[in-house]
Amino acid sequence: MSMFGDRLEQAVQKAFTRPVPKGAGTQMRYLVKQLKGTKAVARLLGVSQRTVERYVKDQIKTPRKELAARLEREVRARWQPQVRARARARAASTSGIVIDTRARLGYTAPIGSTDQDRMRHLTVALPPQYAARLFDAQAHGASDQELRGIAAEALKDVYFQDHGRRAGSLEEVRFTDVEHVEFDL
């Protein structure tokens, strides 16, 4: 996945109401229940069906590093889907989303303005329509570049133009060299 997509997912995961299962056996049992069988879990994780069964019965307790990472990632991806959906819906309809970024930002503007790109650290609350666009694009498999474009458009509207109250002739915002980006609902 992309930097922007991963950060959006992390923001949604902060809305979890219960902790994600920790132990390998607990995580494996959760996946078996979700995927309705050990064969599907084995295929998903790239291990044998017998290995999955041994984790389910707590005959194996500590997985290899790679398997532990895959197991954690797959459990997190499926954990509390209704809570996740409610958090996205709330951000897209009423509360919006906050972006915290350190990146090179510049803009295209008429001659005579100081439109040179420069490193900026911004923390900006984006309105719900931009949260909705980001989540919709993410759900439809948008690339990192497309998500960055939506974020740039949002920053143009909210930060540079202040919802149309200033810099009306601003044409395009460049959002490059992203050092850090984080979202919060």
C-alpha atoms as a PDB file:
ATOM      1  CA  MET A   1       0.000   0.000   0.000  1.00  0.00           C
ATOM      2  CA  SER A   2       1.035   3.629  -0.166  1.00  0.00           C
ATOM      3  CA  MET A   3       2.211   6.065   2.473  1.00  0.00           C
ATOM      4  CA  PHE A   4      -1.047   8.025   2.335  1.00  0.00           C
ATOM      5  CA  GLY A   5      -3.201   4.876   2.254  1.00  0.00           C
ATOM      6  CA  ASP A   6      -1.355   3.362   5.221  1.00  0.00           C
ATOM      7  CA  ARG A   7      -1.698   6.565   7.231  1.00  0.00           C
ATOM      8  CA  LEU A   8      -5.421   6.805   6.494  1.00  0.00           C
ATOM      9  CA  GLU A   9      -5.826   3.214   7.670  1.00  0.00           C
ATOM     10  CA  GLN A  10      -3.877   3.951  10.866  1.00  0.00           C
ATOM     11  CA  ALA A  11      -6.161   6.906  11.589  1.00  0.00           C
ATOM     12  CA  VAL A  12      -9.215   4.680  11.275  1.00  0.00           C
ATOM     13  CA  GLN A  13      -7.627   2.019  13.494  1.00  0.00           C
ATOM     14  CA  LYS A  14      -7.377   4.551  16.323  1.00  0.00           C
ATOM     15  CA  ALA A  15     -11.176   4.290  16.560  1.00  0.00           C
ATOM     16  CA  PHE A  16     -11.045   0.635  17.689  1.00  0.00           C
ATOM     17  CA  THR A  17     -13.040   0.059  20.861  1.00  0.00           C
ATOM     18  CA  ARG A  18     -11.258  -3.162  21.857  1.00  0.00           C
ATOM     19  CA  PRO A  19      -7.598  -4.083  21.572  1.00  0.00           C
ATOM     20  CA  VAL A  20      -6.483  -6.270  18.676  1.00  0.00           C
ATOM     21  CA  PRO A  21      -5.675  -9.871  19.751  1.00  0.00           C
ATOM     22  CA  LYS A  22      -2.022 -10.171  20.769  1.00  0.00           C
ATOM     23  CA  GLY A  23      -0.950 -13.830  20.964  1.00  0.00           C
ATOM     24  CA  ALA A  24      -0.283 -15.924  17.868  1.00  0.00           C
ATOM     25  CA  GLY A  25      -2.824 -18.559  18.915  1.00  0.00           C
ATOM     26  CA  THR A  26      -5.526 -15.970  19.558  1.00  0.00           C
ATOM     27  CA  GLN A  27      -4.798 -14.224  16.283  1.00  0.00           C
ATOM     28  CA  MET A  28      -4.846 -17.515  14.379  1.00  0.00           C
ATOM     29  CA  ARG A  29      -8.172 -18.548  15.946  1.00  0.00           C
ATOM     30  CA  TYR A  30      -9.631 -15.160  14.997  1.00  0.00           C
ATOM     31  CA  LEU A  31      -8.535 -15.565  11.379  1.00  0.00           C
ATOM     32  CA  VAL A  32      -9.875 -19.129  11.236  1.00  0.00           C
ATOM     33  CA  LYS A  33     -13.235 -17.856  12.477  1.00  0.00           C
ATOM     34  CA  GLN A  34     -13.248 -14.944   9.991  1.00  0.00           C
ATOM     35  CA  LEU A  35     -12.186 -17.007   6.974  1.00  0.00           C
ATOM     36  CA  LYS A  36     -14.232 -20.043   8.035  1.00  0.00           C
ATOM     37  CA  GLY A  37     -11.474 -22.627   7.952  1.00  0.00           C
ATOM     38  CA  THR A  38      -7.828 -23.456   8.425  1.00  0.00           C
ATOM     39  CA  LYS A  39      -7.206 -24.052   4.725  1.00  0.00           C
ATOM     40  CA  ALA A  40      -8.099 -20.469   3.783  1.00  0.00           C
ATOM     41  CA  VAL A  41      -5.906 -19.088   6.587  1.00  0.00           C
ATOM     42  CA  ALA A  42      -2.996 -21.286   5.505  1.00  0.00           C
ATOM     43  CA  ARG A  43      -3.322 -20.029   1.929  1.00  0.00           C
ATOM     44  CA  LEU A  44      -3.559 -16.415   3.127  1.00  0.00           C
ATOM     45  CA  LEU A  45      -0.452 -16.654   5.332  1.00  0.00           C
ATOM     46  CA  GLY A  46       1.587 -18.903   3.061  1.00  0.00           C
ATOM     47  CA  VAL A  47       1.972 -21.751   5.563  1.00  0.00           C
ATOM     48  CA  SER A  48       0.676 -25.309   5.720  1.00  0.00           C
ATOM     49  CA  GLN A  49      -2.781 -26.136   7.026  1.00  0.00           C
ATOM     50  CA  ARG A  50      -1.170 -28.294   9.711  1.00  0.00           C
ATOM     51  CA  THR A  51       0.852 -25.303  10.940  1.00  0.00           C
ATOM     52  CA  VAL A  52      -2.334 -23.251  11.297  1.00  0.00           C
ATOM     53  CA  GLU A  53      -3.966 -26.105  13.248  1.00  0.00           C
ATOM     54  CA  ARG A  54      -0.970 -26.280  15.585  1.00  0.00           C
ATOM     55  CA  TYR A  55      -1.219 -22.551  16.322  1.00  0.00           C
ATOM     56  CA  VAL A  56      -4.967 -22.868  16.920  1.00  0.00           C
ATOM     57  CA  LYS A  57      -4.323 -25.648  19.486  1.00  0.00           C
ATOM     58  CA  ASP A  58      -1.481 -23.625  21.075  1.00  0.00           C
ATOM     59  CA  GLN A  59       1.052 -26.332  20.201  1.00  0.00           C
ATOM     60  CA  ILE A  60       3.187 -23.574  18.637  1.00  0.00           C
ATOM     61  CA  LYS A  61       3.279 -20.288  20.501  1.00  0.00           C
ATOM     62  CA  THR A  62       5.834 -18.033  18.829  1.00  0.00           C
ATOM     63  CA  PRO A  63       5.871 -17.585  15.048  1.00  0.00           C
ATOM     64  CA  ARG A  64       8.824 -16.581  12.886  1.00  0.00           C
ATOM     65  CA  LYS A  65       9.233 -12.813  12.417  1.00  0.00           C
ATOM     66  CA  GLU A  66       7.823 -12.790   8.878  1.00  0.00           C
ATOM     67  CA  LEU A  67       4.825 -14.913   9.853  1.00  0.00           C
ATOM     68  CA  ALA A  68       4.187 -12.813  12.962  1.00  0.00           C
ATOM     69  CA  ALA A  69       4.152  -9.639  10.831  1.00  0.00           C
ATOM     70  CA  ARG A  70       1.781 -11.166   8.242  1.00  0.00           C
ATOM     71  CA  LEU A  71      -0.475 -12.506  10.991  1.00  0.00           C
ATOM     72  CA  GLU A  72      -0.621  -9.126  12.738  1.00  0.00           C
ATOM     73  CA  ARG A  73      -1.319  -7.307   9.453  1.00  0.00           C
ATOM     74  CA  GLU A  74      -4.130  -9.679   8.422  1.00  0.00           C
ATOM     75  CA  VAL A  75      -5.816  -9.572  11.853  1.00  0.00           C
ATOM     76  CA  ARG A  76      -5.639  -5.752  11.929  1.00  0.00           C
ATOM     77  CA  ALA A  77      -7.103  -5.563   8.426  1.00  0.00           C
ATOM     78  CA  ARG A  78     -10.168  -7.532   9.564  1.00  0.00           C
ATOM     79  CA  TRP A  79     -10.576  -6.282  13.144  1.00  0.00           C
ATOM     80  CA  GLN A  80     -13.815  -4.441  14.029  1.00  0.00           C
ATOM     81  CA  PRO A  81     -15.095  -3.678  10.516  1.00  0.00           C
ATOM     82  CA  GLN A  82     -18.274  -2.003  11.800  1.00  0.00           C
ATOM     83  CA  VAL A  83     -16.352   0.342  14.114  1.00  0.00           C
ATOM     84  CA  ARG A  84     -14.033   1.149  11.204  1.00  0.00           C
ATOM     85  CA  ALA A  85     -16.990   1.863   8.893  1.00  0.00           C
ATOM     86  CA  ARG A  86     -18.663   4.119  11.484  1.00  0.00           C
ATOM     87  CA  ALA A  87     -15.436   6.102  11.989  1.00  0.00           C
ATOM     88  CA  ARG A  88     -15.063   6.633   8.234  1.00  0.00           C
ATOM     89  CA  ALA A  89     -18.725   7.624   7.883  1.00  0.00           C
ATOM     90  CA  ARG A  90     -18.502  10.096  10.774  1.00  0.00           C
ATOM     91  CA  ALA A  91     -15.351  11.700   9.336  1.00  0.00           C
ATOM     92  CA  ALA A  92     -16.912  11.877   5.861  1.00  0.00           C
ATOM     93  CA  SER A  93     -20.183  13.386   7.037  1.00  0.00           C
ATOM     94  CA  THR A  94     -19.604  15.557  10.111  1.00  0.00           C
ATOM     95  CA  SER A  95     -16.207  15.684  11.798  1.00  0.00           C
ATOM     96  CA  GLY A  96     -13.730  15.781   8.907  1.00  0.00           C
ATOM     97  CA  ILE A  97     -10.110  14.721   9.156  1.00  0.00           C
ATOM     98  CA  VAL A  98      -6.905  16.375  10.389  1.00  0.00           C
ATOM     99  CA  ILE A  99      -3.740  16.152   8.309  1.00  0.00           C
ATOM    100  CA  ASP A 100      -0.327  16.681   9.890  1.00  0.00           C
ATOM    101  CA  THR A 101       2.458  16.835   7.328  1.00  0.00           C
ATOM    102  CA  ARG A 102       5.973  18.004   6.730  1.00  0.00           C
ATOM    103  CA  ALA A 103       6.504  18.349   3.007  1.00  0.00           C
ATOM    104  CA  ARG A 104       7.583  20.676   0.255  1.00  0.00           C
ATOM    105  CA  LEU A 105       4.572  22.796  -0.687  1.00  0.00           C
ATOM    106  CA  GLY A 106       4.294  25.388  -3.406  1.00  0.00           C
ATOM    107  CA  TYR A 107       1.681  26.681  -5.790  1.00  0.00           C
ATOM    108  CA  THR A 108       1.112  28.030  -9.250  1.00  0.00           C
ATOM    109  CA  ALA A 109       0.008  31.647  -9.163  1.00  0.00           C
ATOM    110  CA  PRO A 110       0.145  34.809 -11.284  1.00  0.00           C
ATOM    111  CA  ILE A 111       3.458  36.528 -11.969  1.00  0.00           C
ATOM    112  CA  GLY A 112       4.695  38.643  -9.099  1.00  0.00           C
ATOM    113  CA  SER A 113       3.739  36.312  -6.277  1.00  0.00           C
ATOM    114  CA  THR A 114       6.133  34.291  -4.128  1.00  0.00           C
ATOM    115  CA  ASP A 115       5.116  30.850  -5.319  1.00  0.00           C
ATOM    116  CA  GLN A 116       8.438  29.109  -4.702  1.00  0.00           C
ATOM    117  CA  ASP A 117       8.174  25.657  -3.110  1.00  0.00           C
ATOM    118  CA  ARG A 118       9.402  25.408   0.467  1.00  0.00           C
ATOM    119  CA  MET A 119       9.355  22.920   3.308  1.00  0.00           C
ATOM    120  CA  ARG A 120       6.374  23.464   5.572  1.00  0.00           C
ATOM    121  CA  HIS A 121       5.041  21.678   8.607  1.00  0.00           C
ATOM    122  CA  LEU A 122       1.260  21.952   8.588  1.00  0.00           C
ATOM    123  CA  THR A 123      -1.470  20.631  10.840  1.00  0.00           C
ATOM    124  CA  VAL A 124      -4.785  21.431   9.176  1.00  0.00           C
ATOM    125  CA  ALA A 125      -8.349  20.319   9.877  1.00  0.00           C
ATOM    126  CA  LEU A 126      -9.943  19.324   6.579  1.00  0.00           C
ATOM    127  CA  PRO A 127     -13.721  19.485   6.093  1.00  0.00           C
ATOM    128  CA  PRO A 128     -15.801  16.301   5.732  1.00  0.00           C
ATOM    129  CA  GLN A 129     -16.034  16.454   1.927  1.00  0.00           C
ATOM    130  CA  TYR A 130     -12.257  15.960   1.648  1.00  0.00           C
ATOM    131  CA  ALA A 131     -12.335  13.115   4.173  1.00  0.00           C
ATOM    132  CA  ALA A 132     -15.064  11.501   2.058  1.00  0.00           C
ATOM    133  CA  ARG A 133     -13.023  11.916  -1.123  1.00  0.00           C
ATOM    134  CA  LEU A 134      -9.908  10.457   0.510  1.00  0.00           C
ATOM    135  CA  PHE A 135     -11.769   7.429   1.887  1.00  0.00           C
ATOM    136  CA  ASP A 136     -13.636   6.851  -1.393  1.00  0.00           C
ATOM    137  CA  ALA A 137     -10.430   7.010  -3.388  1.00  0.00           C
ATOM    138  CA  GLN A 138      -8.720   4.650  -0.943  1.00  0.00           C
ATOM    139  CA  ALA A 139     -11.623   2.201  -1.160  1.00  0.00           C
ATOM    140  CA  HIS A 140     -11.381   2.230  -4.959  1.00  0.00           C
ATOM    141  CA  GLY A 141      -7.662   1.432  -4.866  1.00  0.00           C
ATOM    142  CA  ALA A 142      -6.279   4.881  -5.610  1.00  0.00           C
ATOM    143  CA  SER A 143      -2.525   5.235  -5.881  1.00  0.00           C
ATOM    144  CA  ASP A 144      -0.394   7.258  -3.511  1.00  0.00           C
ATOM    145  CA  GLN A 145      -0.174   9.975  -6.159  1.00  0.00           C
ATOM    146  CA  GLU A 146      -3.977  10.257  -6.415  1.00  0.00           C
ATOM    147  CA  LEU A 147      -4.389  10.445  -2.625  1.00  0.00           C
ATOM    148  CA  ARG A 148      -1.634  13.065  -2.494  1.00  0.00           C
ATOM    149  CA  GLY A 149      -3.491  15.051  -5.183  1.00  0.00           C
ATOM    150  CA  ILE A 150      -6.694  15.055  -3.139  1.00  0.00           C
ATOM    151  CA  ALA A 151      -4.746  16.155  -0.054  1.00  0.00           C
ATOM    152  CA  ALA A 152      -3.061  18.916  -2.088  1.00  0.00           C
ATOM    153  CA  GLU A 153      -6.433  20.146  -3.318  1.00  0.00           C
ATOM    154  CA  ALA A 154      -7.740  20.143   0.260  1.00  0.00           C
ATOM    155  CA  LEU A 155      -4.722  22.114   1.483  1.00  0.00           C
ATOM    156  CA  LYS A 156      -5.193  24.568  -1.369  1.00  0.00           C
ATOM    157  CA  ASP A 157      -8.791  25.197  -0.346  1.00  0.00           C
ATOM    158  CA  VAL A 158      -8.363  25.233   3.428  1.00  0.00           C
ATOM    159  CA  TYR A 159      -4.818  26.485   4.080  1.00  0.00           C
ATOM    160  CA  PHE A 160      -3.834  28.621   1.096  1.00  0.00           C
ATOM    161  CA  GLN A 161      -7.230  30.024   0.051  1.00  0.00           C
ATOM    162  CA  ASP A 162      -9.018  29.894   3.418  1.00  0.00           C
ATOM    163  CA  HIS A 163     -12.230  28.567   1.832  1.00  0.00           C
ATOM    164  CA  GLY A 164     -12.198  31.212  -0.918  1.00  0.00           C
ATOM    165  CA  ARG A 165     -11.479  34.233   1.301  1.00  0.00           C
ATOM    166  CA  ARG A 166      -7.968  34.850  -0.074  1.00  0.00           C
ATOM    167  CA  ALA A 167      -5.591  33.908  -2.914  1.00  0.00           C
ATOM    168  CA  GLY A 168      -8.440  33.449  -5.358  1.00  0.00           C
ATOM    169  CA  SER A 169      -6.099  33.355  -8.351  1.00  0.00           C
ATOM    170  CA  LEU A 170      -4.187  30.354  -7.026  1.00  0.00           C
ATOM    171  CA  GLU A 171      -4.272  27.626  -9.647  1.00  0.00           C
ATOM    172  CA  GLU A 172      -2.528  24.533  -8.342  1.00  0.00           C
ATOM    173  CA  VAL A 173      -0.745  23.404  -5.160  1.00  0.00           C
ATOM    174  CA  ARG A 174       2.365  21.234  -5.448  1.00  0.00           C
ATOM    175  CA  PHE A 175       2.719  18.704  -2.596  1.00  0.00           C
ATOM    176  CA  THR A 176       6.093  16.952  -2.951  1.00  0.00           C
ATOM    177  CA  ASP A 177       9.023  15.556  -0.929  1.00  0.00           C
ATOM    178  CA  VAL A 178       6.738  14.305   1.833  1.00  0.00           C
ATOM    179  CA  GLU A 179       8.851  13.611   4.919  1.00  0.00           C
ATOM    180  CA  HIS A 180       5.938  12.940   7.227  1.00  0.00           C
ATOM    181  CA  VAL A 181       2.187  12.629   6.902  1.00  0.00           C
ATOM    182  CA  GLU A 182      -0.349  11.583   9.480  1.00  0.00           C
ATOM    183  CA  PHE A 183      -4.126  11.699   9.618  1.00  0.00           C
ATOM    184  CA  ASP A 184      -6.428  11.855  12.622  1.00  0.00           C
ATOM    185  CA  LEU A 185     -10.195  11.572  12.751  1.00  0.00           C
END
